[in-house]
Amino acid sequence: MVPLNYSSGRLFCKFSILLLSIFLLFWIFLEKQQLSVKTEDLQVQLRFANEHISSLSAQINVISKHKDRIEALFAKEKERCNESINQQSKRISLLQIENVRLNDLMENISRQKAS
């Protein structure tokens, strides 16, 4: 083993620093590549998420239109049912009046037969 003198020690330090710098640059380059790949993956995921959100938004709009249509049909059907109930109530009242009149008529006939 040869003892190191001052100039060879400095040269060794410079060479070590150069090797360390090259290693660090290579490591930084690899990290940058990995970050670039991760960034691309995140961009793809973000694009997919945005497309999914757009699809969901369109579905919500369709559902909202159907909901409005169903509510309008429900209101019409409710109105029609109320009208039908009112007509049936009037008919029941008329039938009750007719029933009372027929009962009175039957009583009169029964009285006339009895006398």
PDB file of N, CA and C in Angstrom:
ATOM      1  N   MET A   1       0.828  -1.172   0.000  1.00  0.00           N
ATOM      2  CA  MET A   1       0.000   0.000   0.000  1.00  0.00           C
ATOM      3  C   MET A   1       0.877   1.243   0.000  1.00  0.00           C
ATOM      4  N   VAL A   2       0.511   2.164  -0.860  1.00  0.00           N
ATOM      5  CA  VAL A   2       1.305   3.383  -1.015  1.00  0.00           C
ATOM      6  C   VAL A   2       0.650   4.478  -0.201  1.00  0.00           C
ATOM      7  N   PRO A   3       1.408   5.172   0.643  1.00  0.00           N
ATOM      8  CA  PRO A   3       0.802   6.266   1.400  1.00  0.00           C
ATOM      9  C   PRO A   3       0.395   7.395   0.454  1.00  0.00           C
ATOM     10  N   LEU A   4      -0.736   8.000   0.785  1.00  0.00           N
ATOM     11  CA  LEU A   4      -1.258   9.091  -0.047  1.00  0.00           C
ATOM     12  C   LEU A   4      -0.591  10.390   0.350  1.00  0.00           C
ATOM     13  N   ASN A   5      -0.151  11.134  -0.628  1.00  0.00           N
ATOM     14  CA  ASN A   5       0.360  12.464  -0.312  1.00  0.00           C
ATOM     15  C   ASN A   5      -0.774  13.469  -0.506  1.00  0.00           C
ATOM     16  N   TYR A   6      -0.470  14.705  -0.290  1.00  0.00           N
ATOM     17  CA  TYR A   6      -1.481  15.757  -0.291  1.00  0.00           C
ATOM     18  C   TYR A   6      -2.165  15.883  -1.650  1.00  0.00           C
ATOM     19  N   SER A   7      -1.433  15.902  -2.746  1.00  0.00           N
ATOM     20  CA  SER A   7      -2.024  16.105  -4.071  1.00  0.00           C
ATOM     21  C   SER A   7      -2.844  14.888  -4.495  1.00  0.00           C
ATOM     22  N   SER A   8      -2.366  13.694  -4.191  1.00  0.00           N
ATOM     23  CA  SER A   8      -3.157  12.525  -4.551  1.00  0.00           C
ATOM     24  C   SER A   8      -4.400  12.435  -3.671  1.00  0.00           C
ATOM     25  N   GLY A   9      -4.330  12.904  -2.429  1.00  0.00           N
ATOM     26  CA  GLY A   9      -5.502  12.943  -1.551  1.00  0.00           C
ATOM     27  C   GLY A   9      -6.562  13.888  -2.090  1.00  0.00           C
ATOM     28  N   ARG A  10      -6.082  15.051  -2.568  1.00  0.00           N
ATOM     29  CA  ARG A  10      -7.016  16.013  -3.156  1.00  0.00           C
ATOM     30  C   ARG A  10      -7.641  15.447  -4.422  1.00  0.00           C
ATOM     31  N   LEU A  11      -6.826  14.774  -5.214  1.00  0.00           N
ATOM     32  CA  LEU A  11      -7.329  14.170  -6.441  1.00  0.00           C
ATOM     33  C   LEU A  11      -8.353  13.078  -6.112  1.00  0.00           C
ATOM     34  N   PHE A  12      -8.073  12.293  -5.094  1.00  0.00           N
ATOM     35  CA  PHE A  12      -9.003  11.251  -4.668  1.00  0.00           C
ATOM     36  C   PHE A  12     -10.320  11.871  -4.191  1.00  0.00           C
ATOM     37  N   CYS A  13     -10.220  12.965  -3.415  1.00  0.00           N
ATOM     38  CA  CYS A  13     -11.440  13.657  -2.931  1.00  0.00           C
ATOM     39  C   CYS A  13     -12.244  14.205  -4.105  1.00  0.00           C
ATOM     40  N   LYS A  14     -11.556  14.828  -5.075  1.00  0.00           N
ATOM     41  CA  LYS A  14     -12.260  15.374  -6.233  1.00  0.00           C
ATOM     42  C   LYS A  14     -12.927  14.252  -7.032  1.00  0.00           C
ATOM     43  N   PHE A  15     -12.197  13.145  -7.195  1.00  0.00           N
ATOM     44  CA  PHE A  15     -12.752  12.013  -7.919  1.00  0.00           C
ATOM     45  C   PHE A  15     -13.961  11.443  -7.175  1.00  0.00           C
ATOM     46  N   SER A  16     -13.852  11.366  -5.842  1.00  0.00           N
ATOM     47  CA  SER A  16     -14.972  10.870  -5.033  1.00  0.00           C
ATOM     48  C   SER A  16     -16.175  11.793  -5.156  1.00  0.00           C
ATOM     49  N   ILE A  17     -15.927  13.084  -5.103  1.00  0.00           N
ATOM     50  CA  ILE A  17     -17.016  14.066  -5.239  1.00  0.00           C
ATOM     51  C   ILE A  17     -17.642  13.954  -6.630  1.00  0.00           C
ATOM     52  N   LEU A  18     -16.797  13.773  -7.651  1.00  0.00           N
ATOM     53  CA  LEU A  18     -17.302  13.614  -9.013  1.00  0.00           C
ATOM     54  C   LEU A  18     -18.165  12.361  -9.122  1.00  0.00           C
ATOM     55  N   LEU A  19     -17.700  11.242  -8.565  1.00  0.00           N
ATOM     56  CA  LEU A  19     -18.491  10.016  -8.586  1.00  0.00           C
ATOM     57  C   LEU A  19     -19.800  10.186  -7.820  1.00  0.00           C
ATOM     58  N   LEU A  20     -19.726  10.818  -6.665  1.00  0.00           N
ATOM     59  CA  LEU A  20     -20.927  11.071  -5.868  1.00  0.00           C
ATOM     60  C   LEU A  20     -21.899  11.963  -6.638  1.00  0.00           C
ATOM     61  N   SER A  21     -21.388  12.986  -7.305  1.00  0.00           N
ATOM     62  CA  SER A  21     -22.239  13.889  -8.095  1.00  0.00           C
ATOM     63  C   SER A  21     -22.914  13.133  -9.233  1.00  0.00           C
ATOM     64  N   ILE A  22     -22.135  12.279  -9.925  1.00  0.00           N
ATOM     65  CA  ILE A  22     -22.710  11.486 -11.017  1.00  0.00           C
ATOM     66  C   ILE A  22     -23.798  10.565 -10.474  1.00  0.00           C
ATOM     67  N   PHE A  23     -23.519   9.922  -9.339  1.00  0.00           N
ATOM     68  CA  PHE A  23     -24.510   9.044  -8.726  1.00  0.00           C
ATOM     69  C   PHE A  23     -25.769   9.821  -8.352  1.00  0.00           C
ATOM     70  N   LEU A  24     -25.591  10.988  -7.729  1.00  0.00           N
ATOM     71  CA  LEU A  24     -26.750  11.808  -7.341  1.00  0.00           C
ATOM     72  C   LEU A  24     -27.534  12.276  -8.566  1.00  0.00           C
ATOM     73  N   LEU A  25     -26.832  12.670  -9.628  1.00  0.00           N
ATOM     74  CA  LEU A  25     -27.526  13.084 -10.853  1.00  0.00           C
ATOM     75  C   LEU A  25     -28.313  11.916 -11.446  1.00  0.00           C
ATOM     76  N   PHE A  26     -27.700  10.740 -11.460  1.00  0.00           N
ATOM     77  CA  PHE A  26     -28.385   9.558 -11.970  1.00  0.00           C
ATOM     78  C   PHE A  26     -29.604   9.238 -11.107  1.00  0.00           C
ATOM     79  N   TRP A  27     -29.435   9.335  -9.792  1.00  0.00           N
ATOM     80  CA  TRP A  27     -30.538   9.064  -8.862  1.00  0.00           C
ATOM     81  C   TRP A  27     -31.666  10.076  -9.065  1.00  0.00           C
ATOM     82  N   ILE A  28     -31.318  11.352  -9.200  1.00  0.00           N
ATOM     83  CA  ILE A  28     -32.316  12.403  -9.448  1.00  0.00           C
ATOM     84  C   ILE A  28     -33.032  12.137 -10.773  1.00  0.00           C
ATOM     85  N   PHE A  29     -32.264  11.723 -11.794  1.00  0.00           N
ATOM     86  CA  PHE A  29     -32.865  11.409 -13.088  1.00  0.00           C
ATOM     87  C   PHE A  29     -33.875  10.271 -12.950  1.00  0.00           C
ATOM     88  N   LEU A  30     -33.516   9.216 -12.212  1.00  0.00           N
ATOM     89  CA  LEU A  30     -34.438   8.098 -12.000  1.00  0.00           C
ATOM     90  C   LEU A  30     -35.684   8.545 -11.239  1.00  0.00           C
ATOM     91  N   GLU A  31     -35.497   9.353 -10.207  1.00  0.00           N
ATOM     92  CA  GLU A  31     -36.641   9.874  -9.442  1.00  0.00           C
ATOM     93  C   GLU A  31     -37.553  10.706 -10.337  1.00  0.00           C
ATOM     94  N   LYS A  32     -36.932  11.517 -11.195  1.00  0.00           N
ATOM     95  CA  LYS A  32     -37.721  12.348 -12.107  1.00  0.00           C
ATOM     96  C   LYS A  32     -38.523  11.462 -13.059  1.00  0.00           C
ATOM     97  N   GLN A  33     -37.911  10.384 -13.548  1.00  0.00           N
ATOM     98  CA  GLN A  33     -38.619   9.459 -14.432  1.00  0.00           C
ATOM     99  C   GLN A  33     -39.801   8.817 -13.709  1.00  0.00           C
ATOM    100  N   GLN A  34     -39.563   8.399 -12.456  1.00  0.00           N
ATOM    101  CA  GLN A  34     -40.645   7.783 -11.680  1.00  0.00           C
ATOM    102  C   GLN A  34     -41.770   8.782 -11.434  1.00  0.00           C
ATOM    103  N   LEU A  35     -41.401  10.020 -11.108  1.00  0.00           N
ATOM    104  CA  LEU A  35     -42.422  11.050 -10.891  1.00  0.00           C
ATOM    105  C   LEU A  35     -43.180  11.336 -12.180  1.00  0.00           C
ATOM    106  N   SER A  36     -42.478  11.302 -13.306  1.00  0.00           N
ATOM    107  CA  SER A  36     -43.136  11.526 -14.590  1.00  0.00           C
ATOM    108  C   SER A  36     -44.157  10.425 -14.863  1.00  0.00           C
ATOM    109  N   VAL A  37     -43.778   9.174 -14.584  1.00  0.00           N
ATOM    110  CA  VAL A  37     -44.703   8.055 -14.778  1.00  0.00           C
ATOM    111  C   VAL A  37     -45.892   8.195 -13.837  1.00  0.00           C
ATOM    112  N   LYS A  38     -45.621   8.552 -12.579  1.00  0.00           N
ATOM    113  CA  LYS A  38     -46.711   8.731 -11.613  1.00  0.00           C
ATOM    114  C   LYS A  38     -47.625   9.867 -12.050  1.00  0.00           C
ATOM    115  N   THR A  39     -47.036  10.946 -12.561  1.00  0.00           N
ATOM    116  CA  THR A  39     -47.835  12.081 -13.026  1.00  0.00           C
ATOM    117  C   THR A  39     -48.736  11.658 -14.181  1.00  0.00           C
ATOM    118  N   GLU A  40     -48.181  10.882 -15.118  1.00  0.00           N
ATOM    119  CA  GLU A  40     -48.993  10.404 -16.241  1.00  0.00           C
ATOM    120  C   GLU A  40     -50.124   9.509 -15.749  1.00  0.00           C
ATOM    121  N   ASP A  41     -49.825   8.634 -14.790  1.00  0.00           N
ATOM    122  CA  ASP A  41     -50.873   7.772 -14.225  1.00  0.00           C
ATOM    123  C   ASP A  41     -51.967   8.603 -13.569  1.00  0.00           C
ATOM    124  N   LEU A  42     -51.544   9.619 -12.823  1.00  0.00           N
ATOM    125  CA  LEU A  42     -52.530  10.479 -12.159  1.00  0.00           C
ATOM    126  C   LEU A  42     -53.358  11.255 -13.178  1.00  0.00           C
ATOM    127  N   GLN A  43     -52.724  11.673 -14.280  1.00  0.00           N
ATOM    128  CA  GLN A  43     -53.475  12.377 -15.318  1.00  0.00           C
ATOM    129  C   GLN A  43     -54.514  11.453 -15.957  1.00  0.00           C
ATOM    130  N   VAL A  44     -54.130  10.202 -16.185  1.00  0.00           N
ATOM    131  CA  VAL A  44     -55.081   9.234 -16.749  1.00  0.00           C
ATOM    132  C   VAL A  44     -56.234   9.012 -15.780  1.00  0.00           C
ATOM    133  N   GLN A  45     -55.905   8.856 -14.494  1.00  0.00           N
ATOM    134  CA  GLN A  45     -56.954   8.659 -13.484  1.00  0.00           C
ATOM    135  C   GLN A  45     -57.865   9.878 -13.398  1.00  0.00           C
ATOM    136  N   LEU A  46     -57.271  11.065 -13.471  1.00  0.00           N
ATOM    137  CA  LEU A  46     -58.064  12.296 -13.415  1.00  0.00           C
ATOM    138  C   LEU A  46     -58.977  12.401 -14.633  1.00  0.00           C
ATOM    139  N   ARG A  47     -58.454  12.063 -15.815  1.00  0.00           N
ATOM    140  CA  ARG A  47     -59.272  12.094 -17.026  1.00  0.00           C
ATOM    141  C   ARG A  47     -60.438  11.116 -16.898  1.00  0.00           C
ATOM    142  N   PHE A  48     -60.144   9.913 -16.399  1.00  0.00           N
ATOM    143  CA  PHE A  48     -61.198   8.913 -16.209  1.00  0.00           C
ATOM    144  C   PHE A  48     -62.234   9.416 -15.206  1.00  0.00           C
ATOM    145  N   ALA A  49     -61.764  10.017 -14.102  1.00  0.00           N
ATOM    146  CA  ALA A  49     -62.689  10.541 -13.086  1.00  0.00           C
ATOM    147  C   ALA A  49     -63.564  11.647 -13.675  1.00  0.00           C
ATOM    148  N   ASN A  50     -62.972  12.522 -14.483  1.00  0.00           N
ATOM    149  CA  ASN A  50     -63.752  13.599 -15.100  1.00  0.00           C
ATOM    150  C   ASN A  50     -64.797  13.040 -16.063  1.00  0.00           C
ATOM    151  N   GLU A  51     -64.415  12.019 -16.836  1.00  0.00           N
ATOM    152  CA  GLU A  51     -65.386  11.389 -17.738  1.00  0.00           C
ATOM    153  C   GLU A  51     -66.508  10.730 -16.946  1.00  0.00           C
ATOM    154  N   HIS A  52     -66.147  10.101 -15.843  1.00  0.00           N
ATOM    155  CA  HIS A  52     -67.157   9.457 -14.997  1.00  0.00           C
ATOM    156  C   HIS A  52     -68.097  10.501 -14.398  1.00  0.00           C
ATOM    157  N   ILE A  53     -67.532  11.624 -13.959  1.00  0.00           N
ATOM    158  CA  ILE A  53     -68.355  12.707 -13.405  1.00  0.00           C
ATOM    159  C   ILE A  53     -69.293  13.252 -14.480  1.00  0.00           C
ATOM    160  N   SER A  54     -68.790  13.411 -15.693  1.00  0.00           N
ATOM    161  CA  SER A  54     -69.639  13.893 -16.791  1.00  0.00           C
ATOM    162  C   SER A  54     -70.772  12.910 -17.063  1.00  0.00           C
ATOM    163  N   SER A  55     -70.443  11.630 -17.054  1.00  0.00           N
ATOM    164  CA  SER A  55     -71.467  10.603 -17.273  1.00  0.00           C
ATOM    165  C   SER A  55     -72.516  10.647 -16.169  1.00  0.00           C
ATOM    166  N   LEU A  56     -72.054  10.755 -14.925  1.00  0.00           N
ATOM    167  CA  LEU A  56     -72.994  10.826 -13.802  1.00  0.00           C
ATOM    168  C   LEU A  56     -73.854  12.080 -13.886  1.00  0.00           C
ATOM    169  N   SER A  57     -73.258  13.183 -14.295  1.00  0.00           N
ATOM    170  CA  SER A  57     -74.012  14.429 -14.438  1.00  0.00           C
ATOM    171  C   SER A  57     -75.102  14.276 -15.494  1.00  0.00           C
ATOM    172  N   ALA A  58     -74.770  13.631 -16.603  1.00  0.00           N
ATOM    173  CA  ALA A  58     -75.774  13.397 -17.651  1.00  0.00           C
ATOM    174  C   ALA A  58     -76.888  12.493 -17.132  1.00  0.00           C
ATOM    175  N   GLN A  59     -76.521  11.466 -16.373  1.00  0.00           N
ATOM    176  CA  GLN A  59     -77.530  10.572 -15.805  1.00  0.00           C
ATOM    177  C   GLN A  59     -78.425  11.321 -14.825  1.00  0.00           C
ATOM    178  N   ILE A  60     -77.834  12.206 -14.028  1.00  0.00           N
ATOM    179  CA  ILE A  60     -78.622  13.001 -13.076  1.00  0.00           C
ATOM    180  C   ILE A  60     -79.607  13.887 -13.828  1.00  0.00           C
ATOM    181  N   ASN A  61     -79.163  14.477 -14.942  1.00  0.00           N
ATOM    182  CA  ASN A  61     -80.062  15.320 -15.736  1.00  0.00           C
ATOM    183  C   ASN A  61     -81.228  14.506 -16.292  1.00  0.00           C
ATOM    184  N   VAL A  62     -80.940  13.304 -16.782  1.00  0.00           N
ATOM    185  CA  VAL A  62     -82.002  12.438 -17.309  1.00  0.00           C
ATOM    186  C   VAL A  62     -82.972  12.072 -16.192  1.00  0.00           C
ATOM    187  N   ILE A  63     -82.427  11.703 -15.034  1.00  0.00           N
ATOM    188  CA  ILE A  63     -83.275  11.340 -13.889  1.00  0.00           C
ATOM    189  C   ILE A  63     -84.132  12.523 -13.470  1.00  0.00           C
ATOM    190  N   SER A  64     -83.551  13.710 -13.473  1.00  0.00           N
ATOM    191  CA  SER A  64     -84.305  14.911 -13.097  1.00  0.00           C
ATOM    192  C   SER A  64     -85.466  15.150 -14.064  1.00  0.00           C
ATOM    193  N   LYS A  65     -85.209  14.955 -15.365  1.00  0.00           N
ATOM    194  CA  LYS A  65     -86.289  15.125 -16.352  1.00  0.00           C
ATOM    195  C   LYS A  65     -87.388  14.093 -16.124  1.00  0.00           C
ATOM    196  N   HIS A  66     -86.985  12.839 -15.870  1.00  0.00           N
ATOM    197  CA  HIS A  66     -87.982  11.798 -15.602  1.00  0.00           C
ATOM    198  C   HIS A  66     -88.760  12.115 -14.327  1.00  0.00           C
ATOM    199  N   LYS A  67     -88.062  12.622 -13.318  1.00  0.00           N
ATOM    200  CA  LYS A  67     -88.722  12.978 -12.054  1.00  0.00           C
ATOM    201  C   LYS A  67     -89.773  14.055 -12.304  1.00  0.00           C
ATOM    202  N   ASP A  68     -89.408  15.083 -13.072  1.00  0.00           N
ATOM    203  CA  ASP A  68     -90.365  16.149 -13.384  1.00  0.00           C
ATOM    204  C   ASP A  68     -91.571  15.589 -14.136  1.00  0.00           C
ATOM    205  N   ARG A  69     -91.309  14.700 -15.094  1.00  0.00           N
ATOM    206  CA  ARG A  69     -92.406  14.105 -15.866  1.00  0.00           C
ATOM    207  C   ARG A  69     -93.307  13.266 -14.965  1.00  0.00           C
ATOM    208  N   ILE A  70     -92.698  12.483 -14.081  1.00  0.00           N
ATOM    209  CA  ILE A  70     -93.476  11.643 -13.162  1.00  0.00           C
ATOM    210  C   ILE A  70     -94.308  12.511 -12.226  1.00  0.00           C
ATOM    211  N   GLU A  71     -93.719  13.596 -11.716  1.00  0.00           N
ATOM    212  CA  GLU A  71     -94.471  14.489 -10.825  1.00  0.00           C
ATOM    213  C   GLU A  71     -95.655  15.120 -11.555  1.00  0.00           C
ATOM    214  N   ALA A  72     -95.450  15.501 -12.822  1.00  0.00           N
ATOM    215  CA  ALA A  72     -96.551  16.087 -13.600  1.00  0.00           C
ATOM    216  C   ALA A  72     -97.654  15.050 -13.826  1.00  0.00           C
ATOM    217  N   LEU A  73     -97.250  13.828 -14.181  1.00  0.00           N
ATOM    218  CA  LEU A  73     -98.246  12.763 -14.370  1.00  0.00           C
ATOM    219  C   LEU A  73     -98.970  12.449 -13.066  1.00  0.00           C
ATOM    220  N   PHE A  74     -98.236  12.458 -11.962  1.00  0.00           N
ATOM    221  CA  PHE A  74     -98.847  12.205 -10.658  1.00  0.00           C
ATOM    222  C   PHE A  74     -99.873  13.281 -10.327  1.00  0.00           C
ATOM    223  N   ALA A  75     -99.535  14.545 -10.595  1.00  0.00           N
ATOM    224  CA  ALA A  75    -100.469  15.640 -10.316  1.00  0.00           C
ATOM    225  C   ALA A  75    -101.739  15.491 -11.163  1.00  0.00           C
ATOM    226  N   LYS A  76    -101.569  15.133 -12.451  1.00  0.00           N
ATOM    227  CA  LYS A  76    -102.741  14.931 -13.313  1.00  0.00           C
ATOM    228  C   LYS A  76    -103.590  13.770 -12.814  1.00  0.00           C
ATOM    229  N   GLU A  77    -102.937  12.675 -12.447  1.00  0.00           N
ATOM    230  CA  GLU A  77    -103.673  11.495 -11.971  1.00  0.00           C
ATOM    231  C   GLU A  77    -104.384  11.800 -10.652  1.00  0.00           C
ATOM    232  N   LYS A  78    -103.730  12.558  -9.785  1.00  0.00           N
ATOM    233  CA  LYS A  78    -104.352  12.933  -8.510  1.00  0.00           C
ATOM    234  C   LYS A  78    -105.589  13.795  -8.764  1.00  0.00           C
ATOM    235  N   GLU A  79    -105.473  14.731  -9.700  1.00  0.00           N
ATOM    236  CA  GLU A  79    -106.615  15.584 -10.042  1.00  0.00           C
ATOM    237  C   GLU A  79    -107.750  14.744 -10.631  1.00  0.00           C
ATOM    238  N   ARG A  80    -107.404  13.810 -11.512  1.00  0.00           N
ATOM    239  CA  ARG A  80    -108.414  12.942 -12.113  1.00  0.00           C
ATOM    240  C   ARG A  80    -109.100  12.092 -11.043  1.00  0.00           C
ATOM    241  N   CYS A  81    -108.324  11.572 -10.097  1.00  0.00           N
ATOM    242  CA  CYS A  81    -108.906  10.767  -9.009  1.00  0.00           C
ATOM    243  C   CYS A  81    -109.829  11.616  -8.137  1.00  0.00           C
ATOM    244  N   ASN A  82    -109.413  12.840  -7.838  1.00  0.00           N
ATOM    245  CA  ASN A  82    -110.261  13.726  -7.031  1.00  0.00           C
ATOM    246  C   ASN A  82    -111.573  14.025  -7.748  1.00  0.00           C
ATOM    247  N   GLU A  83    -111.501  14.260  -9.060  1.00  0.00           N
ATOM    248  CA  GLU A  83    -112.722  14.494  -9.826  1.00  0.00           C
ATOM    249  C   GLU A  83    -113.612  13.255  -9.810  1.00  0.00           C
ATOM    250  N   SER A  84    -113.003  12.098  -9.971  1.00  0.00           N
ATOM    251  CA  SER A  84    -113.765  10.846  -9.948  1.00  0.00           C
ATOM    252  C   SER A  84    -114.413  10.636  -8.583  1.00  0.00           C
ATOM    253  N   ILE A  85    -113.676  10.926  -7.525  1.00  0.00           N
ATOM    254  CA  ILE A  85    -114.228  10.793  -6.161  1.00  0.00           C
ATOM    255  C   ILE A  85    -115.406  11.738  -5.982  1.00  0.00           C
ATOM    256  N   ASN A  86    -115.268  12.974  -6.463  1.00  0.00           N
ATOM    257  CA  ASN A  86    -116.368  13.938  -6.354  1.00  0.00           C
ATOM    258  C   ASN A  86    -117.594  13.453  -7.133  1.00  0.00           C
ATOM    259  N   GLN A  87    -117.379  12.943  -8.343  1.00  0.00           N
ATOM    260  CA  GLN A  87    -118.501  12.434  -9.135  1.00  0.00           C
ATOM    261  C   GLN A  87    -119.158  11.237  -8.445  1.00  0.00           C
ATOM    262  N   GLN A  88    -118.354  10.341  -7.898  1.00  0.00           N
ATOM    263  CA  GLN A  88    -118.903   9.171  -7.206  1.00  0.00           C
ATOM    264  C   GLN A  88    -119.666   9.599  -5.953  1.00  0.00           C
ATOM    265  N   SER A  89    -119.137  10.613  -5.250  1.00  0.00           N
ATOM    266  CA  SER A  89    -119.838  11.114  -4.057  1.00  0.00           C
ATOM    267  C   SER A  89    -121.191  11.698  -4.438  1.00  0.00           C
ATOM    268  N   LYS A  90    -121.233  12.462  -5.527  1.00  0.00           N
ATOM    269  CA  LYS A  90    -122.505  13.023  -5.995  1.00  0.00           C
ATOM    270  C   LYS A  90    -123.461  11.902  -6.387  1.00  0.00           C
ATOM    271  N   ARG A  91    -122.940  10.903  -7.075  1.00  0.00           N
ATOM    272  CA  ARG A  91    -123.786   9.777  -7.494  1.00  0.00           C
ATOM    273  C   ARG A  91    -124.324   9.026  -6.283  1.00  0.00           C
ATOM    274  N   ILE A  92    -123.463   8.828  -5.265  1.00  0.00           N
ATOM    275  CA  ILE A  92    -123.910   8.151  -4.033  1.00  0.00           C
ATOM    276  C   ILE A  92    -125.008   8.955  -3.364  1.00  0.00           C
ATOM    277  N   SER A  93    -124.822  10.284  -3.312  1.00  0.00           N
ATOM    278  CA  SER A  93    -125.855  11.137  -2.706  1.00  0.00           C
ATOM    279  C   SER A  93    -127.170  11.014  -3.466  1.00  0.00           C
ATOM    280  N   LEU A  94    -127.104  11.040  -4.795  1.00  0.00           N
ATOM    281  CA  LEU A  94    -128.322  10.899  -5.598  1.00  0.00           C
ATOM    282  C   LEU A  94    -128.970   9.529  -5.388  1.00  0.00           C
ATOM    283  N   LEU A  95    -128.149   8.484  -5.306  1.00  0.00           N
ATOM    284  CA  LEU A  95    -128.691   7.141  -5.075  1.00  0.00           C
ATOM    285  C   LEU A  95    -129.320   7.030  -3.686  1.00  0.00           C
ATOM    286  N   GLN A  96    -128.711   7.688  -2.697  1.00  0.00           N
ATOM    287  CA  GLN A  96    -129.299   7.673  -1.346  1.00  0.00           C
ATOM    288  C   GLN A  96    -130.652   8.385  -1.346  1.00  0.00           C
ATOM    289  N   ILE A  97    -130.721   9.511  -2.050  1.00  0.00           N
ATOM    290  CA  ILE A  97    -131.995  10.239  -2.156  1.00  0.00           C
ATOM    291  C   ILE A  97    -133.023   9.362  -2.865  1.00  0.00           C
ATOM    292  N   GLU A  98    -132.606   8.714  -3.948  1.00  0.00           N
ATOM    293  CA  GLU A  98    -133.513   7.821  -4.688  1.00  0.00           C
ATOM    294  C   GLU A  98    -133.951   6.659  -3.809  1.00  0.00           C
ATOM    295  N   ASN A  99    -133.035   6.132  -3.000  1.00  0.00           N
ATOM    296  CA  ASN A  99    -133.356   5.027  -2.094  1.00  0.00           C
ATOM    297  C   ASN A  99    -134.394   5.457  -1.064  1.00  0.00           C
ATOM    298  N   VAL A 100    -134.203   6.656  -0.497  1.00  0.00           N
ATOM    299  CA  VAL A 100    -135.180   7.169   0.474  1.00  0.00           C
ATOM    300  C   VAL A 100    -136.536   7.324  -0.209  1.00  0.00           C
ATOM    301  N   ARG A 101    -136.552   7.865  -1.397  1.00  0.00           N
ATOM    302  CA  ARG A 101    -137.808   8.057  -2.129  1.00  0.00           C
ATOM    303  C   ARG A 101    -138.485   6.710  -2.421  1.00  0.00           C
ATOM    304  N   LEU A 102    -137.700   5.714  -2.830  1.00  0.00           N
ATOM    305  CA  LEU A 102    -138.274   4.393  -3.094  1.00  0.00           C
ATOM    306  C   LEU A 102    -138.781   3.746  -1.809  1.00  0.00           C
ATOM    307  N   ASN A 103    -138.063   3.921  -0.708  1.00  0.00           N
ATOM    308  CA  ASN A 103    -138.529   3.387   0.583  1.00  0.00           C
ATOM    309  C   ASN A 103    -139.857   4.028   0.978  1.00  0.00           C
ATOM    310  N   ASP A 104    -139.944   5.353   0.784  1.00  0.00           N
ATOM    311  CA  ASP A 104    -141.210   6.041   1.081  1.00  0.00           C
ATOM    312  C   ASP A 104    -142.331   5.508   0.187  1.00  0.00           C
ATOM    313  N   LEU A 105    -142.029   5.309  -1.078  1.00  0.00           N
ATOM    314  CA  LEU A 105    -143.014   4.782  -2.009  1.00  0.00           C
ATOM    315  C   LEU A 105    -143.460   3.378  -1.600  1.00  0.00           C
ATOM    316  N   MET A 106    -142.524   2.539  -1.173  1.00  0.00           N
ATOM    317  CA  MET A 106    -142.854   1.185  -0.717  1.00  0.00           C
ATOM    318  C   MET A 106    -143.728   1.242   0.532  1.00  0.00           C
ATOM    319  N   GLU A 107    -143.416   2.164   1.441  1.00  0.00           N
ATOM    320  CA  GLU A 107    -144.246   2.308   2.646  1.00  0.00           C
ATOM    321  C   GLU A 107    -145.662   2.737   2.265  1.00  0.00           C
ATOM    322  N   ASN A 108    -145.783   3.665   1.321  1.00  0.00           N
ATOM    323  CA  ASN A 108    -147.110   4.114   0.879  1.00  0.00           C
ATOM    324  C   ASN A 108    -147.892   2.965   0.251  1.00  0.00           C
ATOM    325  N   ILE A 109    -147.210   2.167  -0.564  1.00  0.00           N
ATOM    326  CA  ILE A 109    -147.881   1.016  -1.189  1.00  0.00           C
ATOM    327  C   ILE A 109    -148.306   0.021  -0.125  1.00  0.00           C
ATOM    328  N   SER A 110    -147.433  -0.218   0.856  1.00  0.00           N
ATOM    329  CA  SER A 110    -147.770  -1.158   1.938  1.00  0.00           C
ATOM    330  C   SER A 110    -148.964  -0.645   2.732  1.00  0.00           C
ATOM    331  N   ARG A 111    -149.029   0.656   3.000  1.00  0.00           N
ATOM    332  CA  ARG A 111    -150.153   1.228   3.746  1.00  0.00           C
ATOM    333  C   ARG A 111    -151.443   1.114   2.941  1.00  0.00           C
ATOM    334  N   GLN A 112    -151.347   1.352   1.638  1.00  0.00           N
ATOM    335  CA  GLN A 112    -152.552   1.271   0.808  1.00  0.00           C
ATOM    336  C   GLN A 112    -153.071  -0.158   0.741  1.00  0.00           C
ATOM    337  N   LYS A 113    -152.169  -1.120   0.717  1.00  0.00           N
ATOM    338  CA  LYS A 113    -152.605  -2.515   0.701  1.00  0.00           C
ATOM    339  C   LYS A 113    -153.219  -2.891   2.041  1.00  0.00           C
ATOM    340  N   ALA A 114    -152.681  -2.332   3.119  1.00  0.00           N
ATOM    341  CA  ALA A 114    -153.175  -2.659   4.454  1.00  0.00           C
ATOM    342  C   ALA A 114    -154.549  -2.024   4.678  1.00  0.00           C
ATOM    343  N   SER A 115    -154.864  -0.948   4.056  1.00  0.00           N
ATOM    344  CA  SER A 115    -156.153  -0.308   4.306  1.00  0.00           C
ATOM    345  C   SER A 115    -157.234  -0.776   3.441  1.00  0.00           C
TER     346      SER A 115
END
